[in-house]
Amino acid sequence: MHNSVIPNPQSNLMFVIARLTALRLAIACSLLLLLIYLSTNHAQVALTAWIAVACYAPLLIFGFYHSRHGMQPIHLVIHLLFECQILTIFLFFTGGASNPLISYLLILIVFAAYNLSRLWVWLIAITCILDYSILTQFYQPLQLSISSHHLASQTDQQSFLDWHLAGMWLTFLVSAITLTLLIPALMQSTIRKRQQLTELREKQLKNEQLIGIATLAAGTAHEMGTPLMTMEMILNDSIEHQLALNEGDTELLHQQVMICRQALQRLALAGRNIHNEAESINASHWLTTLLHRWRLSQPNALWCNAGLEHQVDIRKSPLLDQALLNLLDNAAQAGSKTIELSSEVIDQQWSLTIHQPDTQASQHLQQHHLFSSHKKHGIGLGLYLSNASIEQFDGQVHLVANRDGSTSCIIRLPCMSNGQ
C-alpha cells in the first residue's frame, strides 16, 4: 500500500513551526536593528520595548523544540497568540500603528488560516484586529526630527498621519477578514480532495487488485472442484476394477475437462476486464445466467424464484458474478432446505434476497465460524470478500439472522440509467 501519500498532520505542523521559527528569527533581528537605529538617533525608547524583543528568545527555543519533536494544533495557537502580544507591546512603544512592522500581524493570520481549524483562525484574527485597532489610538509616538521640506507644518504632519493610519487600518481589516474567510475554505477543499483521492487510491489497490483477484481465484477453484472430483471418481473406479473407460465415461471426462477449461478462461478474461469501463446488464438475465452457472458447480443446488422479473440494468463485472456465486454457496451450505430467491426495486436500487428457511441455518453458520466478527451480525471471510466486491460498485450486503433461526442475505445494487 502506498501509505506515503497519506498526509501526516503531525509532520505538517512540524514543517510549519520550523518555517515560522525561521521567520521569527528574521523578525526578532529586524526589531532589534530598529531599536538600535532609534537609539543611535537619540530617540526615547522605553525599556519595555527591549524586553519585548528579548521575549522572542523563548519563542525561538520552543519553536525549535517543537519542530524537532512534534506538536499539537493547540501549541501553534499558543505560539501565535503569544507572538501577537509580544509584537503589540513592542509596537506600543515604537510608534503604534504607524510602525510599518505592524503588517507582520497579517503573516500570523496566514499561518493560522493554513494550519488551524476555523474557530482558532477567527480567534487569532480577532485578536490581531483588536491589537491593531488599539495601537491606532494608544501608543507612544517616536520623537524623531523631521526636515522642514518634508512637511510644511505640524498641522500638515498630523493630517498626513491621520490619513495614513486610517488607510492602514482599513487595509488591515479588509485583508484580515478576507484571509480568514477565504483561506480556511480553500484549505478544507484541498484537504477533502486529498483525502478523497487517497481513499480512492487505497480502495482501488485493495479491492480491485487483492480482493478482486482473490475472490475470482477462490471462486474458480471452487468451480473446478466438482469436475475434478468427478474425474477422480471415474478414474479411480476404472483403475480399481481394471476396466477400460466406456464411451459414456469418456464423454463425461471430456465434459468435466471442458468445464475446468472454461473456468480458467473466465478467470483469465476476468483478470483483464476488471478495470474496463462500466457495462450494464439486465438484472434478471444476469441472475438467471449465474444460477445456471452455479448449477454446474453445485449439481444438487435447488432454489425457487419469486418476483425476479425486473426490467432494470445493473453493472456488469466478473467481481459481481463471483460475489453472488459465493453468497449462493453460503446460503446453500447453511441449511438443508431449498433456498428462496426474491427481488424488488427500491429507490433506484435492485435488491436481491437469498433466504435459507432452515431453522438451524443461523446456528450452523456460527458453528462453522462463518461469523468471524464479534458483532451480532458479523460476517466471515467469504462473505467479507463478496461484500468488498459489491461495495466496490456502490452496493451493499446485509446478512440477517432471523428469529426463527433462518438466515437472509440481502444484496443491493444501484440501477443504471440508460445514459450510463
Protein backbone atom coordinates (compact mmCIF):
# COMPACT_ATOMS: atom_id res chain seq x y z
CA MET A 1 0.00 0.00 0.00
CA HIS A 2 1.17 3.49 -0.78
CA ASN A 3 0.85 4.84 2.73
CA SER A 4 3.35 7.59 1.93
CA VAL A 5 0.67 9.51 0.04
CA ILE A 6 -1.48 9.95 3.14
CA PRO A 7 -0.90 13.39 4.63
CA ASN A 8 0.61 13.31 8.13
CA PRO A 9 -0.81 16.21 10.21
CA GLN A 10 1.98 15.89 12.78
CA SER A 11 4.78 16.18 10.22
CA ASN A 12 2.93 19.03 8.53
CA LEU A 13 2.78 21.00 11.80
CA MET A 14 6.47 20.31 12.40
CA PHE A 15 7.23 21.72 8.98
CA VAL A 16 5.08 24.80 9.68
CA ILE A 17 6.63 25.54 13.06
CA ALA A 18 10.10 25.16 11.56
CA ARG A 19 9.32 27.78 8.91
CA LEU A 20 7.63 30.01 11.48
CA THR A 21 10.68 29.80 13.75
CA ALA A 22 12.95 30.84 10.91
CA LEU A 23 10.67 33.79 10.16
CA ARG A 24 10.61 34.75 13.83
CA LEU A 25 14.37 34.86 13.89
CA ALA A 26 14.33 37.32 11.00
CA ILE A 27 11.62 39.43 12.67
CA ALA A 28 13.46 39.46 16.01
CA CYS A 29 16.61 40.62 14.26
CA SER A 30 14.60 43.33 12.47
CA LEU A 31 13.10 44.57 15.74
CA LEU A 32 16.50 44.61 17.39
CA LEU A 33 18.02 46.55 14.50
CA LEU A 34 15.15 49.05 14.68
CA LEU A 35 15.79 49.64 18.38
CA ILE A 36 19.49 50.10 17.76
CA TYR A 37 18.74 52.57 14.96
CA LEU A 38 16.35 54.54 17.14
CA SER A 39 18.85 54.64 20.00
CA THR A 40 21.66 55.88 17.77
CA ASN A 41 19.32 58.65 16.51
CA HIS A 42 18.69 59.87 20.06
CA ALA A 43 15.08 58.63 20.18
CA GLN A 44 13.47 57.89 23.51
CA VAL A 45 12.88 54.12 23.54
CA ALA A 46 11.28 52.55 26.62
CA LEU A 47 12.94 49.62 28.35
CA THR A 48 9.77 47.60 27.81
CA ALA A 49 10.43 47.57 24.06
CA TRP A 50 13.80 45.90 24.65
CA ILE A 51 12.15 43.37 26.97
CA ALA A 52 9.56 42.60 24.28
CA VAL A 53 12.31 41.80 21.79
CA ALA A 54 14.01 39.62 24.42
CA CYS A 55 10.76 37.64 24.77
CA TYR A 56 11.34 36.32 21.27
CA ALA A 57 14.14 34.16 22.71
CA PRO A 58 11.83 31.64 24.49
CA LEU A 59 9.58 31.61 21.41
CA LEU A 60 12.54 30.65 19.24
CA ILE A 61 13.64 27.97 21.72
CA PHE A 62 10.18 26.37 21.95
CA GLY A 63 9.73 26.69 18.20
CA PHE A 64 12.99 24.85 17.56
CA TYR A 65 11.99 22.16 20.07
CA HIS A 66 8.54 21.60 18.55
CA SER A 67 9.98 21.50 15.03
CA ARG A 68 12.08 18.51 16.13
CA HIS A 69 9.74 16.65 18.46
CA GLY A 70 6.31 17.39 17.04
CA MET A 71 3.42 19.48 18.29
CA GLN A 72 -0.35 19.70 18.57
CA PRO A 73 -2.54 22.38 16.92
CA ILE A 74 -3.15 23.98 20.31
CA HIS A 75 0.60 24.58 20.62
CA LEU A 76 0.58 26.53 17.37
CA VAL A 77 -2.36 28.60 18.68
CA ILE A 78 -0.39 29.48 21.83
CA HIS A 79 2.68 30.33 19.75
CA LEU A 80 0.76 32.72 17.51
CA LEU A 81 -1.21 34.41 20.31
CA PHE A 82 1.94 34.92 22.39
CA GLU A 83 3.85 36.37 19.45
CA CYS A 84 0.93 38.65 18.63
CA GLN A 85 1.04 40.16 22.13
CA ILE A 86 4.83 40.49 22.07
CA LEU A 87 4.65 42.41 18.81
CA THR A 88 1.78 44.58 20.11
CA ILE A 89 3.78 45.59 23.20
CA PHE A 90 6.80 46.39 21.06
CA LEU A 91 4.74 48.48 18.63
CA PHE A 92 3.07 50.38 21.50
CA PHE A 93 6.45 51.85 22.45
CA THR A 94 7.68 52.37 18.88
CA GLY A 95 5.03 54.40 17.13
CA GLY A 96 1.99 52.16 17.31
CA ALA A 97 0.12 51.53 14.07
CA SER A 98 2.40 53.96 12.22
CA ASN A 99 5.23 51.44 12.55
CA PRO A 100 5.42 49.52 9.23
CA LEU A 101 6.26 46.29 11.07
CA ILE A 102 2.64 46.09 12.18
CA SER A 103 1.86 44.36 8.85
CA TYR A 104 3.54 41.27 10.28
CA LEU A 105 0.27 40.56 12.09
CA LEU A 106 -1.18 39.51 8.73
CA ILE A 107 1.52 36.86 8.44
CA LEU A 108 0.39 35.38 11.75
CA ILE A 109 -3.17 35.18 10.43
CA VAL A 110 -1.94 33.46 7.28
CA PHE A 111 -0.10 30.81 9.30
CA ALA A 112 -3.21 30.23 11.39
CA ALA A 113 -5.52 30.03 8.37
CA TYR A 114 -3.41 27.41 6.63
CA ASN A 115 -2.93 25.11 9.58
CA LEU A 116 -5.72 25.52 12.15
CA SER A 117 -9.45 24.98 12.33
CA ARG A 118 -11.88 27.77 11.58
CA LEU A 119 -12.55 28.55 15.27
CA TRP A 120 -8.86 29.08 16.10
CA VAL A 121 -8.36 31.14 12.95
CA TRP A 122 -11.15 33.52 13.96
CA LEU A 123 -9.70 33.79 17.49
CA ILE A 124 -6.29 34.81 16.20
CA ALA A 125 -7.73 37.11 13.53
CA ILE A 126 -9.96 38.93 16.05
CA THR A 127 -7.02 39.25 18.46
CA CYS A 128 -4.85 40.80 15.75
CA ILE A 129 -7.64 43.18 14.68
CA LEU A 130 -8.22 44.32 18.27
CA ASP A 131 -4.49 44.85 18.86
CA TYR A 132 -4.19 46.81 15.61
CA SER A 133 -7.22 48.94 16.48
CA ILE A 134 -5.84 49.71 19.95
CA LEU A 135 -2.48 50.71 18.50
CA THR A 136 -4.14 53.27 16.25
CA GLN A 137 -5.38 55.15 19.34
CA PHE A 138 -2.98 54.29 22.15
CA TYR A 139 0.78 54.33 21.60
CA GLN A 140 3.92 56.26 22.37
CA PRO A 141 4.98 58.23 19.29
CA LEU A 142 8.59 58.27 18.26
CA GLN A 143 10.27 61.61 18.72
CA LEU A 144 12.27 61.91 15.52
CA SER A 145 13.41 65.12 13.88
CA ILE A 146 11.62 65.75 10.56
CA SER A 147 13.09 68.01 7.93
CA SER A 148 11.04 71.10 7.07
CA HIS A 149 10.98 70.29 3.36
CA HIS A 150 9.11 67.02 4.03
CA LEU A 151 6.13 68.54 5.84
CA ALA A 152 5.27 72.23 5.86
CA SER A 153 3.80 72.41 9.35
CA GLN A 154 2.80 70.43 12.39
CA THR A 155 -0.83 70.56 11.23
CA ASP A 156 0.06 69.02 7.87
CA GLN A 157 2.09 66.34 9.64
CA GLN A 158 -0.84 65.41 11.89
CA SER A 159 -3.30 65.38 8.98
CA PHE A 160 -1.00 63.16 6.95
CA LEU A 161 -0.55 60.80 9.87
CA ASP A 162 -4.32 60.50 10.44
CA TRP A 163 -4.96 59.60 6.81
CA HIS A 164 -2.02 57.19 6.91
CA LEU A 165 -3.33 55.43 10.00
CA ALA A 166 -6.92 55.25 8.71
CA GLY A 167 -5.82 53.78 5.39
CA MET A 168 -3.51 51.24 7.00
CA TRP A 169 -6.22 50.18 9.49
CA LEU A 170 -8.83 49.75 6.76
CA THR A 171 -6.43 47.75 4.60
CA PHE A 172 -5.55 45.52 7.52
CA LEU A 173 -9.21 44.97 8.42
CA VAL A 174 -10.19 44.01 4.87
CA SER A 175 -7.16 41.79 4.43
CA ALA A 176 -7.68 40.03 7.76
CA ILE A 177 -11.35 39.28 7.05
CA THR A 178 -10.58 38.14 3.50
CA LEU A 179 -7.82 35.80 4.61
CA THR A 180 -9.92 34.43 7.47
CA LEU A 181 -12.84 33.65 5.17
CA LEU A 182 -11.03 32.51 2.04
CA ILE A 183 -8.01 30.52 3.11
CA PRO A 184 -9.77 28.07 5.50
CA ALA A 185 -12.35 27.30 2.81
CA LEU A 186 -9.62 26.67 0.25
CA MET A 187 -7.64 24.55 2.67
CA GLN A 188 -10.66 22.47 3.65
CA SER A 189 -11.49 21.91 0.00
CA THR A 190 -7.92 20.86 -0.71
CA ILE A 191 -7.85 18.54 2.29
CA ARG A 192 -11.15 16.93 1.29
CA LYS A 193 -9.93 16.35 -2.25
CA ARG A 194 -6.66 14.92 -0.99
CA GLN A 195 -8.48 12.59 1.38
CA GLN A 196 -10.88 11.51 -1.36
CA LEU A 197 -8.01 10.78 -3.74
CA THR A 198 -6.15 8.88 -1.03
CA GLU A 199 -9.22 6.83 -0.09
CA LEU A 200 -9.96 6.13 -3.75
CA ARG A 201 -6.38 5.02 -4.39
CA GLU A 202 -6.36 2.79 -1.33
CA LYS A 203 -9.77 1.35 -2.18
CA GLN A 204 -8.75 0.58 -5.75
CA LEU A 205 -5.48 -1.04 -4.71
CA LYS A 206 -7.12 -3.13 -2.00
CA ASN A 207 -10.43 -4.09 -3.58
CA GLU A 208 -9.64 -4.31 -7.26
CA GLN A 209 -6.25 -5.99 -7.05
CA LEU A 210 -6.18 -8.02 -3.84
CA ILE A 211 -9.81 -8.77 -3.05
CA GLY A 212 -10.92 -8.88 -6.67
CA ILE A 213 -8.31 -11.35 -7.88
CA ALA A 214 -8.51 -13.37 -4.66
CA THR A 215 -12.28 -13.70 -4.98
CA LEU A 216 -12.09 -14.73 -8.61
CA ALA A 217 -9.32 -17.21 -7.94
CA ALA A 218 -11.14 -18.74 -4.98
CA GLY A 219 -14.37 -18.96 -6.95
CA THR A 220 -12.66 -20.57 -9.92
CA ALA A 221 -11.01 -23.15 -7.68
CA HIS A 222 -14.39 -23.91 -6.16
CA GLU A 223 -15.98 -24.30 -9.60
CA MET A 224 -13.23 -26.68 -10.66
CA GLY A 225 -13.59 -28.78 -7.51
CA THR A 226 -16.70 -30.65 -8.60
CA PRO A 227 -15.45 -31.59 -12.12
CA LEU A 228 -12.10 -32.71 -10.74
CA MET A 229 -13.81 -34.81 -8.08
CA THR A 230 -15.98 -36.43 -10.76
CA MET A 231 -12.96 -37.25 -12.91
CA GLU A 232 -11.11 -38.63 -9.92
CA MET A 233 -14.01 -40.95 -9.06
CA ILE A 234 -14.25 -42.26 -12.63
CA LEU A 235 -10.52 -42.83 -12.93
CA ASN A 236 -10.22 -44.49 -9.51
CA ASP A 237 -13.16 -46.77 -10.29
CA SER A 238 -11.60 -47.78 -13.61
CA ILE A 239 -8.20 -48.45 -12.08
CA GLU A 240 -9.65 -50.36 -9.13
CA HIS A 241 -11.66 -52.69 -11.34
CA GLN A 242 -9.10 -52.67 -14.15
CA LEU A 243 -11.77 -51.69 -16.60
CA ALA A 244 -11.41 -49.70 -19.75
CA LEU A 245 -13.37 -46.50 -19.90
CA ASN A 246 -16.61 -46.85 -21.79
CA GLU A 247 -17.88 -44.24 -24.20
CA GLY A 248 -20.12 -42.60 -21.61
CA ASP A 249 -17.31 -42.22 -19.10
CA THR A 250 -15.01 -40.83 -21.74
CA GLU A 251 -17.59 -38.28 -22.81
CA LEU A 252 -18.18 -37.33 -19.16
CA LEU A 253 -14.46 -36.84 -18.62
CA HIS A 254 -14.25 -34.61 -21.68
CA GLN A 255 -17.21 -32.63 -20.39
CA GLN A 256 -15.63 -32.14 -16.97
CA VAL A 257 -12.30 -31.12 -18.53
CA MET A 258 -14.19 -28.57 -20.65
CA ILE A 259 -15.83 -27.16 -17.52
CA CYS A 260 -12.42 -26.72 -15.88
CA ARG A 261 -11.01 -25.12 -19.02
CA GLN A 262 -13.93 -22.67 -19.22
CA ALA A 263 -13.48 -21.77 -15.57
CA LEU A 264 -9.81 -20.97 -16.16
CA GLN A 265 -10.67 -18.98 -19.27
CA ARG A 266 -13.20 -16.96 -17.30
CA LEU A 267 -10.58 -16.28 -14.64
CA ALA A 268 -8.04 -15.08 -17.22
CA LEU A 269 -10.64 -12.95 -19.01
CA ALA A 270 -11.96 -11.53 -15.76
CA GLY A 271 -8.47 -10.52 -14.66
CA ARG A 272 -8.08 -8.49 -17.83
CA ASN A 273 -11.55 -6.95 -17.68
CA ILE A 274 -11.62 -5.83 -14.05
CA HIS A 275 -10.56 -2.30 -14.94
CA ASN A 276 -12.65 -1.99 -18.11
CA GLU A 277 -15.25 0.72 -18.48
CA ALA A 278 -18.63 0.09 -16.92
CA GLU A 279 -21.06 -2.10 -18.85
CA SER A 280 -24.66 -2.83 -17.93
CA ILE A 281 -26.72 -5.99 -17.97
CA ASN A 282 -30.35 -6.80 -17.24
CA ALA A 283 -30.62 -7.85 -13.59
CA SER A 284 -32.99 -10.76 -14.26
CA HIS A 285 -30.90 -12.06 -17.15
CA TRP A 286 -27.74 -11.76 -15.07
CA LEU A 287 -29.27 -13.70 -12.19
CA THR A 288 -30.65 -16.44 -14.45
CA THR A 289 -27.28 -16.91 -16.17
CA LEU A 290 -25.44 -17.13 -12.87
CA LEU A 291 -27.93 -19.63 -11.45
CA HIS A 292 -27.29 -21.96 -14.40
CA ARG A 293 -23.55 -21.49 -13.91
CA TRP A 294 -23.98 -22.20 -10.22
CA ARG A 295 -25.78 -25.45 -11.05
CA LEU A 296 -22.62 -26.67 -12.82
CA SER A 297 -20.55 -26.36 -9.64
CA GLN A 298 -23.44 -27.39 -7.34
CA PRO A 299 -25.35 -30.15 -9.18
CA ASN A 300 -27.67 -30.66 -6.20
CA ALA A 301 -28.42 -26.97 -5.76
CA LEU A 302 -32.13 -26.13 -5.56
CA TRP A 303 -33.90 -22.81 -5.46
CA CYS A 304 -37.31 -21.30 -6.01
CA ASN A 305 -37.98 -17.92 -7.58
CA ALA A 306 -40.40 -15.20 -6.57
CA GLY A 307 -40.72 -11.94 -8.45
CA LEU A 308 -37.35 -11.92 -10.22
CA GLU A 309 -38.57 -10.35 -13.46
CA HIS A 310 -37.48 -6.72 -13.22
CA GLN A 311 -36.52 -4.72 -16.30
CA VAL A 312 -33.64 -2.85 -14.71
CA ASP A 313 -29.96 -2.77 -15.58
CA ILE A 314 -27.05 -3.10 -13.18
CA ARG A 315 -23.28 -3.00 -13.52
CA LYS A 316 -21.69 -5.94 -15.30
CA SER A 317 -18.48 -7.24 -13.77
CA PRO A 318 -16.84 -10.62 -13.08
CA LEU A 319 -16.35 -9.48 -9.49
CA LEU A 320 -20.11 -9.23 -9.03
CA ASP A 321 -20.55 -12.63 -10.69
CA GLN A 322 -18.20 -14.31 -8.25
CA ALA A 323 -19.59 -12.42 -5.28
CA LEU A 324 -23.11 -13.68 -5.97
CA LEU A 325 -21.86 -17.25 -6.51
CA ASN A 326 -20.10 -17.13 -3.14
CA LEU A 327 -23.25 -15.87 -1.44
CA LEU A 328 -25.35 -18.59 -3.08
CA ASP A 329 -22.85 -21.21 -1.89
CA ASN A 330 -23.02 -19.86 1.67
CA ALA A 331 -26.81 -19.91 1.64
CA ALA A 332 -26.95 -23.48 0.28
CA GLN A 333 -24.39 -24.77 2.80
CA ALA A 334 -26.06 -23.03 5.73
CA GLY A 335 -29.08 -25.33 5.69
CA SER A 336 -30.66 -28.39 4.11
CA LYS A 337 -33.73 -26.71 2.62
CA THR A 338 -34.23 -25.15 -0.77
CA ILE A 339 -33.14 -21.53 -0.83
CA GLU A 340 -35.69 -18.92 -1.79
CA LEU A 341 -34.84 -16.04 -4.11
CA SER A 342 -36.80 -12.81 -4.42
CA SER A 343 -36.04 -9.36 -5.76
CA GLU A 344 -37.51 -5.89 -5.82
CA VAL A 345 -36.58 -2.37 -6.89
CA ILE A 346 -36.49 0.30 -4.16
CA ASP A 347 -35.22 3.85 -4.61
CA GLN A 348 -33.32 3.08 -7.82
CA GLN A 349 -31.70 0.05 -6.22
CA TRP A 350 -32.16 -3.56 -7.26
CA SER A 351 -32.48 -5.71 -4.15
CA LEU A 352 -32.00 -9.49 -4.18
CA THR A 353 -32.87 -11.57 -1.12
CA ILE A 354 -31.36 -15.05 -0.68
CA HIS A 355 -33.34 -16.76 2.08
CA GLN A 356 -32.39 -20.05 3.71
CA PRO A 357 -35.57 -21.21 5.52
CA ASP A 358 -33.81 -23.92 7.55
CA THR A 359 -34.37 -23.11 11.24
CA GLN A 360 -30.84 -24.35 12.03
CA ALA A 361 -29.19 -22.11 9.43
CA SER A 362 -28.12 -19.38 11.83
CA GLN A 363 -26.69 -21.89 14.31
CA HIS A 364 -24.94 -23.75 11.50
CA LEU A 365 -23.18 -20.60 10.34
CA GLN A 366 -21.96 -19.78 13.83
CA GLN A 367 -20.72 -23.33 14.48
CA HIS A 368 -18.69 -23.27 11.29
CA HIS A 369 -17.15 -19.90 12.19
CA LEU A 370 -18.52 -18.12 9.20
CA PHE A 371 -19.38 -15.38 11.66
CA SER A 372 -15.82 -14.25 12.35
CA SER A 373 -16.81 -10.91 13.87
CA HIS A 374 -17.73 -10.39 17.49
CA LYS A 375 -20.66 -8.21 16.40
CA LYS A 376 -24.19 -9.52 16.46
CA HIS A 377 -24.33 -9.88 12.69
CA GLY A 378 -20.63 -10.39 11.92
CA ILE A 379 -19.57 -11.95 8.63
CA GLY A 380 -16.84 -14.40 7.69
CA LEU A 381 -14.03 -14.29 5.16
CA GLY A 382 -16.07 -15.49 2.18
CA LEU A 383 -18.83 -13.02 2.91
CA TYR A 384 -16.26 -10.32 3.57
CA LEU A 385 -14.74 -10.81 0.12
CA SER A 386 -18.17 -10.77 -1.51
CA ASN A 387 -19.17 -7.70 0.46
CA ALA A 388 -15.98 -5.88 -0.55
CA SER A 389 -16.56 -6.69 -4.22
CA ILE A 390 -20.16 -5.49 -4.12
CA GLU A 391 -19.27 -2.33 -2.20
CA GLN A 392 -16.77 -1.50 -4.93
CA PHE A 393 -19.79 -0.99 -7.21
CA ASP A 394 -21.67 1.13 -4.64
CA GLY A 395 -23.70 -1.86 -3.47
CA GLN A 396 -24.40 -3.35 -0.06
CA VAL A 397 -24.66 -6.79 1.53
CA HIS A 398 -26.69 -7.44 4.68
CA LEU A 399 -26.71 -10.83 6.42
CA VAL A 400 -29.65 -11.21 8.81
CA ALA A 401 -30.22 -13.95 11.35
CA ASN A 402 -34.00 -14.24 11.67
CA ARG A 403 -35.85 -15.03 14.88
CA ASP A 404 -36.96 -18.44 13.62
CA GLY A 405 -33.33 -19.48 13.03
CA SER A 406 -33.35 -18.95 9.29
CA THR A 407 -30.99 -16.56 7.53
CA SER A 408 -31.47 -13.94 4.84
CA CYS A 409 -28.77 -12.37 2.71
CA ILE A 410 -29.87 -9.09 1.10
CA ILE A 411 -27.86 -7.74 -1.83
CA ARG A 412 -28.48 -4.20 -3.06
CA LEU A 413 -27.01 -2.85 -6.29
CA PRO A 414 -27.69 0.56 -7.85
CA CYS A 415 -29.72 0.55 -11.05
CA MET A 416 -28.03 2.01 -14.10
CA SER A 417 -29.89 4.52 -16.22
CA ASN A 418 -29.92 4.25 -19.98
CA GLY A 419 -27.49 7.09 -20.27
CA GLN A 420 -24.80 5.38 -18.26
